[in-house]
Amino acid sequence: MPRNGFLAAALLAATVAVSLPSAALAQAAATAEPAHYSVTETLVGKLLDDPAASAILEKLIPTVYANEMFQTMGRDQTLKSIQQYEAAALSDENLAKIQAEFDKIPAKK
């Protein structure tokens, strides 16, 4: 009986030792900044504050970019969430083009 208890304790200790680094890595990955901006995740305000990302928006969606509501109230939304208000300019096809351009630049922290 004591032998089984020792074996169970040893297995538990080994499992915990193996899981701790994995858990630490998972948490670090979850809190790490993304390498690139995302049309579905990044807030418009962050995009507008980065000159490179802002230039992409101005080039690919000039009418949306020039809209004062986009520049002010849109800052707390993603491009994907604004799509419902600007369906033509922010079509899935155009969002894919914007994402392709975002993938070429690093996201600023």
N, C-alpha and C. Protein backbone atom coordinates (compact mmCIF):
# COMPACT_ATOMS: atom_id res chain seq x y z
N MET A 1 0.81 -1.21 0.00
CA MET A 1 0.00 0.00 0.00
C MET A 1 0.85 1.26 0.00
N PRO A 2 1.86 1.37 0.88
CA PRO A 2 2.68 2.56 0.87
C PRO A 2 3.38 2.76 -0.48
N ARG A 3 3.73 1.67 -1.13
CA ARG A 3 4.41 1.78 -2.42
C ARG A 3 3.51 2.46 -3.45
N ASN A 4 2.23 2.11 -3.48
CA ASN A 4 1.28 2.72 -4.41
C ASN A 4 1.12 4.20 -4.11
N GLY A 5 1.12 4.56 -2.83
CA GLY A 5 1.02 5.97 -2.44
C GLY A 5 2.22 6.76 -2.93
N PHE A 6 3.39 6.16 -2.82
CA PHE A 6 4.61 6.82 -3.29
C PHE A 6 4.57 7.01 -4.80
N LEU A 7 4.13 5.96 -5.50
CA LEU A 7 4.05 6.02 -6.96
C LEU A 7 3.06 7.10 -7.39
N ALA A 8 1.91 7.18 -6.73
CA ALA A 8 0.92 8.21 -7.06
C ALA A 8 1.48 9.60 -6.81
N ALA A 9 2.18 9.78 -5.69
CA ALA A 9 2.77 11.08 -5.38
C ALA A 9 3.84 11.46 -6.40
N ALA A 10 4.63 10.49 -6.81
CA ALA A 10 5.68 10.74 -7.80
C ALA A 10 5.06 11.13 -9.14
N LEU A 11 4.01 10.43 -9.55
CA LEU A 11 3.33 10.77 -10.81
C LEU A 11 2.69 12.15 -10.74
N LEU A 12 2.10 12.48 -9.62
CA LEU A 12 1.49 13.80 -9.44
C LEU A 12 2.55 14.89 -9.52
N ALA A 13 3.67 14.68 -8.86
CA ALA A 13 4.75 15.67 -8.88
C ALA A 13 5.30 15.85 -10.30
N ALA A 14 5.45 14.76 -11.02
CA ALA A 14 5.95 14.83 -12.40
C ALA A 14 4.96 15.58 -13.29
N THR A 15 3.68 15.32 -13.10
CA THR A 15 2.66 15.99 -13.91
C THR A 15 2.66 17.49 -13.64
N VAL A 16 2.74 17.87 -12.38
CA VAL A 16 2.76 19.29 -12.02
C VAL A 16 4.01 19.95 -12.59
N ALA A 17 5.15 19.29 -12.50
CA ALA A 17 6.41 19.86 -12.99
C ALA A 17 6.36 20.07 -14.49
N VAL A 18 5.72 19.16 -15.22
CA VAL A 18 5.62 19.29 -16.67
C VAL A 18 4.60 20.35 -17.04
N SER A 19 3.50 20.48 -16.29
CA SER A 19 2.46 21.44 -16.66
C SER A 19 2.81 22.87 -16.34
N LEU A 20 3.62 23.12 -15.36
CA LEU A 20 3.94 24.51 -15.00
C LEU A 20 4.58 25.28 -16.14
N PRO A 21 5.61 24.75 -16.81
CA PRO A 21 6.17 25.52 -17.92
C PRO A 21 5.14 25.75 -19.03
N SER A 22 4.31 24.76 -19.31
CA SER A 22 3.30 24.91 -20.35
C SER A 22 2.30 26.00 -19.98
N ALA A 23 1.88 26.02 -18.72
CA ALA A 23 0.94 27.03 -18.28
C ALA A 23 1.57 28.42 -18.35
N ALA A 24 2.83 28.52 -17.96
CA ALA A 24 3.52 29.81 -18.02
C ALA A 24 3.65 30.29 -19.46
N LEU A 25 3.96 29.37 -20.36
CA LEU A 25 4.06 29.74 -21.78
C LEU A 25 2.70 30.17 -22.33
N ALA A 26 1.66 29.46 -21.96
CA ALA A 26 0.32 29.81 -22.44
C ALA A 26 -0.08 31.18 -21.95
N GLN A 27 0.20 31.49 -20.69
CA GLN A 27 -0.15 32.81 -20.16
C GLN A 27 0.67 33.90 -20.84
N ALA A 28 1.94 33.65 -21.07
CA ALA A 28 2.79 34.64 -21.74
C ALA A 28 2.29 34.90 -23.16
N ALA A 29 1.88 33.84 -23.84
CA ALA A 29 1.37 34.00 -25.20
C ALA A 29 0.06 34.78 -25.21
N ALA A 30 -0.78 34.56 -24.20
CA ALA A 30 -2.07 35.25 -24.13
C ALA A 30 -1.90 36.74 -23.86
N THR A 31 -0.86 37.11 -23.10
CA THR A 31 -0.67 38.51 -22.77
C THR A 31 0.27 39.22 -23.74
N ALA A 32 0.92 38.49 -24.61
CA ALA A 32 1.85 39.08 -25.57
C ALA A 32 1.09 39.89 -26.62
N GLU A 33 1.70 40.94 -27.06
CA GLU A 33 1.11 41.75 -28.12
C GLU A 33 1.21 40.98 -29.44
N PRO A 34 0.20 41.08 -30.29
CA PRO A 34 0.27 40.40 -31.58
C PRO A 34 1.36 41.03 -32.46
N ALA A 35 1.90 40.24 -33.36
CA ALA A 35 2.96 40.72 -34.24
C ALA A 35 2.42 41.70 -35.29
N HIS A 36 1.15 41.52 -35.66
CA HIS A 36 0.54 42.36 -36.69
C HIS A 36 -0.84 42.80 -36.23
N TYR A 37 -1.32 43.86 -36.84
CA TYR A 37 -2.68 44.33 -36.55
C TYR A 37 -3.69 43.37 -37.18
N SER A 38 -4.90 43.42 -36.66
CA SER A 38 -5.96 42.53 -37.14
C SER A 38 -7.23 43.33 -37.38
N VAL A 39 -7.90 43.06 -38.50
CA VAL A 39 -9.16 43.75 -38.79
C VAL A 39 -10.27 43.28 -37.86
N THR A 40 -10.09 42.11 -37.23
CA THR A 40 -11.12 41.58 -36.34
C THR A 40 -10.83 41.83 -34.87
N GLU A 41 -9.58 42.11 -34.51
CA GLU A 41 -9.20 42.23 -33.10
C GLU A 41 -8.70 43.61 -32.69
N THR A 42 -8.01 44.31 -33.57
CA THR A 42 -7.38 45.58 -33.22
C THR A 42 -8.39 46.72 -33.28
N LEU A 43 -8.39 47.54 -32.24
CA LEU A 43 -9.29 48.70 -32.22
C LEU A 43 -8.83 49.76 -33.21
N VAL A 44 -9.78 50.42 -33.83
CA VAL A 44 -9.49 51.46 -34.83
C VAL A 44 -8.60 52.54 -34.24
N GLY A 45 -8.81 52.90 -32.98
CA GLY A 45 -7.98 53.92 -32.36
C GLY A 45 -6.50 53.58 -32.41
N LYS A 46 -6.16 52.33 -32.16
CA LYS A 46 -4.77 51.89 -32.22
C LYS A 46 -4.24 51.98 -33.65
N LEU A 47 -5.10 51.66 -34.61
CA LEU A 47 -4.70 51.74 -36.02
C LEU A 47 -4.47 53.20 -36.42
N LEU A 48 -5.35 54.08 -35.99
CA LEU A 48 -5.22 55.50 -36.35
C LEU A 48 -4.00 56.14 -35.69
N ASP A 49 -3.60 55.62 -34.55
CA ASP A 49 -2.45 56.18 -33.83
C ASP A 49 -1.11 55.73 -34.41
N ASP A 50 -1.12 54.72 -35.27
CA ASP A 50 0.10 54.25 -35.93
C ASP A 50 0.10 54.81 -37.35
N PRO A 51 1.07 55.68 -37.68
CA PRO A 51 1.08 56.30 -39.01
C PRO A 51 1.06 55.30 -40.17
N ALA A 52 1.74 54.18 -40.03
CA ALA A 52 1.78 53.18 -41.11
C ALA A 52 0.40 52.54 -41.31
N ALA A 53 -0.23 52.16 -40.21
CA ALA A 53 -1.56 51.55 -40.30
C ALA A 53 -2.59 52.58 -40.77
N SER A 54 -2.47 53.79 -40.28
CA SER A 54 -3.39 54.86 -40.68
C SER A 54 -3.28 55.13 -42.18
N ALA A 55 -2.08 55.10 -42.71
CA ALA A 55 -1.88 55.31 -44.15
C ALA A 55 -2.55 54.21 -44.97
N ILE A 56 -2.51 52.98 -44.46
CA ILE A 56 -3.17 51.86 -45.15
C ILE A 56 -4.68 52.12 -45.20
N LEU A 57 -5.25 52.53 -44.08
CA LEU A 57 -6.69 52.80 -44.04
C LEU A 57 -7.05 53.96 -44.97
N GLU A 58 -6.26 55.00 -44.94
CA GLU A 58 -6.53 56.16 -45.80
C GLU A 58 -6.48 55.78 -47.27
N LYS A 59 -5.56 54.90 -47.63
CA LYS A 59 -5.41 54.46 -49.02
C LYS A 59 -6.52 53.51 -49.46
N LEU A 60 -6.86 52.53 -48.61
CA LEU A 60 -7.79 51.48 -49.03
C LEU A 60 -9.26 51.78 -48.75
N ILE A 61 -9.54 52.60 -47.75
CA ILE A 61 -10.94 52.97 -47.45
C ILE A 61 -11.04 54.48 -47.22
N PRO A 62 -10.74 55.28 -48.26
CA PRO A 62 -10.66 56.74 -48.09
C PRO A 62 -11.95 57.39 -47.59
N THR A 63 -13.11 56.92 -48.04
CA THR A 63 -14.35 57.57 -47.60
C THR A 63 -14.64 57.26 -46.12
N VAL A 64 -14.37 56.05 -45.71
CA VAL A 64 -14.56 55.69 -44.30
C VAL A 64 -13.54 56.45 -43.46
N TYR A 65 -12.30 56.47 -43.92
CA TYR A 65 -11.23 57.14 -43.19
C TYR A 65 -11.55 58.63 -42.99
N ALA A 66 -12.14 59.26 -43.98
CA ALA A 66 -12.44 60.70 -43.91
C ALA A 66 -13.66 61.01 -43.05
N ASN A 67 -14.43 59.99 -42.71
CA ASN A 67 -15.63 60.20 -41.91
C ASN A 67 -15.27 60.54 -40.47
N GLU A 68 -15.77 61.66 -39.99
CA GLU A 68 -15.46 62.12 -38.63
C GLU A 68 -15.91 61.12 -37.57
N MET A 69 -17.02 60.44 -37.80
CA MET A 69 -17.49 59.44 -36.83
C MET A 69 -16.51 58.27 -36.73
N PHE A 70 -15.92 57.90 -37.86
CA PHE A 70 -14.90 56.83 -37.85
C PHE A 70 -13.71 57.27 -37.01
N GLN A 71 -13.31 58.52 -37.18
CA GLN A 71 -12.14 59.05 -36.49
C GLN A 71 -12.37 59.25 -34.99
N THR A 72 -13.63 59.38 -34.59
CA THR A 72 -13.92 59.66 -33.17
C THR A 72 -14.63 58.48 -32.51
N MET A 73 -15.87 58.26 -32.84
CA MET A 73 -16.65 57.19 -32.21
C MET A 73 -16.18 55.80 -32.62
N GLY A 74 -15.56 55.71 -33.78
CA GLY A 74 -15.09 54.41 -34.27
C GLY A 74 -13.82 53.92 -33.59
N ARG A 75 -13.16 54.75 -32.83
CA ARG A 75 -11.88 54.39 -32.21
C ARG A 75 -12.00 53.19 -31.27
N ASP A 76 -13.14 52.99 -30.67
CA ASP A 76 -13.33 51.89 -29.72
C ASP A 76 -13.91 50.64 -30.34
N GLN A 77 -13.89 50.57 -31.67
CA GLN A 77 -14.43 49.41 -32.38
C GLN A 77 -13.36 48.83 -33.30
N THR A 78 -13.61 47.63 -33.78
CA THR A 78 -12.73 47.03 -34.78
C THR A 78 -13.30 47.33 -36.17
N LEU A 79 -12.49 47.14 -37.18
CA LEU A 79 -12.98 47.34 -38.55
C LEU A 79 -14.11 46.36 -38.84
N LYS A 80 -13.98 45.14 -38.36
CA LYS A 80 -15.03 44.13 -38.58
C LYS A 80 -16.34 44.56 -37.95
N SER A 81 -16.29 45.16 -36.78
CA SER A 81 -17.55 45.59 -36.13
C SER A 81 -18.16 46.81 -36.83
N ILE A 82 -17.34 47.61 -37.47
CA ILE A 82 -17.84 48.78 -38.21
C ILE A 82 -18.40 48.36 -39.57
N GLN A 83 -18.07 47.17 -39.99
CA GLN A 83 -18.53 46.66 -41.29
C GLN A 83 -20.04 46.77 -41.45
N GLN A 84 -20.80 46.58 -40.39
CA GLN A 84 -22.26 46.63 -40.47
C GLN A 84 -22.77 48.02 -40.89
N TYR A 85 -21.98 49.06 -40.63
CA TYR A 85 -22.38 50.42 -40.99
C TYR A 85 -21.82 50.86 -42.34
N GLU A 86 -20.74 50.24 -42.75
CA GLU A 86 -20.07 50.58 -44.01
C GLU A 86 -19.86 49.30 -44.81
N ALA A 87 -20.97 48.65 -45.14
CA ALA A 87 -20.91 47.31 -45.75
C ALA A 87 -20.14 47.26 -47.07
N ALA A 88 -20.28 48.26 -47.91
CA ALA A 88 -19.60 48.23 -49.20
C ALA A 88 -18.10 48.47 -49.04
N ALA A 89 -17.75 49.51 -48.32
CA ALA A 89 -16.33 49.86 -48.17
C ALA A 89 -15.59 48.83 -47.32
N LEU A 90 -16.28 48.24 -46.36
CA LEU A 90 -15.65 47.26 -45.47
C LEU A 90 -16.17 45.85 -45.74
N SER A 91 -16.34 45.54 -47.02
CA SER A 91 -16.77 44.20 -47.40
C SER A 91 -15.71 43.18 -46.95
N ASP A 92 -16.08 41.92 -46.92
CA ASP A 92 -15.12 40.88 -46.54
C ASP A 92 -13.89 40.93 -47.46
N GLU A 93 -14.13 41.19 -48.73
CA GLU A 93 -13.02 41.28 -49.70
C GLU A 93 -12.08 42.44 -49.35
N ASN A 94 -12.65 43.60 -49.04
CA ASN A 94 -11.81 44.75 -48.68
C ASN A 94 -11.11 44.54 -47.34
N LEU A 95 -11.79 43.92 -46.38
CA LEU A 95 -11.14 43.63 -45.11
C LEU A 95 -9.95 42.68 -45.32
N ALA A 96 -10.09 41.74 -46.25
CA ALA A 96 -8.98 40.83 -46.55
C ALA A 96 -7.81 41.60 -47.15
N LYS A 97 -8.10 42.58 -48.01
CA LYS A 97 -7.03 43.40 -48.59
C LYS A 97 -6.33 44.22 -47.50
N ILE A 98 -7.12 44.79 -46.59
CA ILE A 98 -6.55 45.56 -45.49
C ILE A 98 -5.69 44.67 -44.62
N GLN A 99 -6.20 43.47 -44.30
CA GLN A 99 -5.44 42.54 -43.47
C GLN A 99 -4.12 42.16 -44.13
N ALA A 100 -4.15 41.96 -45.44
CA ALA A 100 -2.92 41.62 -46.18
C ALA A 100 -1.88 42.73 -46.03
N GLU A 101 -2.34 43.98 -46.04
CA GLU A 101 -1.42 45.11 -45.86
C GLU A 101 -0.93 45.19 -44.41
N PHE A 102 -1.83 44.95 -43.45
CA PHE A 102 -1.42 44.95 -42.04
C PHE A 102 -0.37 43.88 -41.78
N ASP A 103 -0.48 42.76 -42.46
CA ASP A 103 0.47 41.66 -42.26
C ASP A 103 1.88 42.02 -42.72
N LYS A 104 2.00 43.10 -43.46
CA LYS A 104 3.32 43.54 -43.95
C LYS A 104 4.03 44.48 -42.98
N ILE A 105 3.28 44.98 -41.98
CA ILE A 105 3.88 45.92 -41.02
C ILE A 105 3.79 45.35 -39.60
N PRO A 106 4.74 45.68 -38.75
CA PRO A 106 4.64 45.20 -37.36
C PRO A 106 3.67 46.07 -36.57
N ALA A 107 3.00 45.46 -35.62
CA ALA A 107 2.12 46.21 -34.73
C ALA A 107 2.98 46.95 -33.70
N LYS A 108 2.62 48.19 -33.45
CA LYS A 108 3.34 48.95 -32.41
C LYS A 108 2.77 48.62 -31.06
N LYS A 109 3.61 48.65 -30.06
CA LYS A 109 3.16 48.29 -28.70
C LYS A 109 2.56 49.43 -27.97
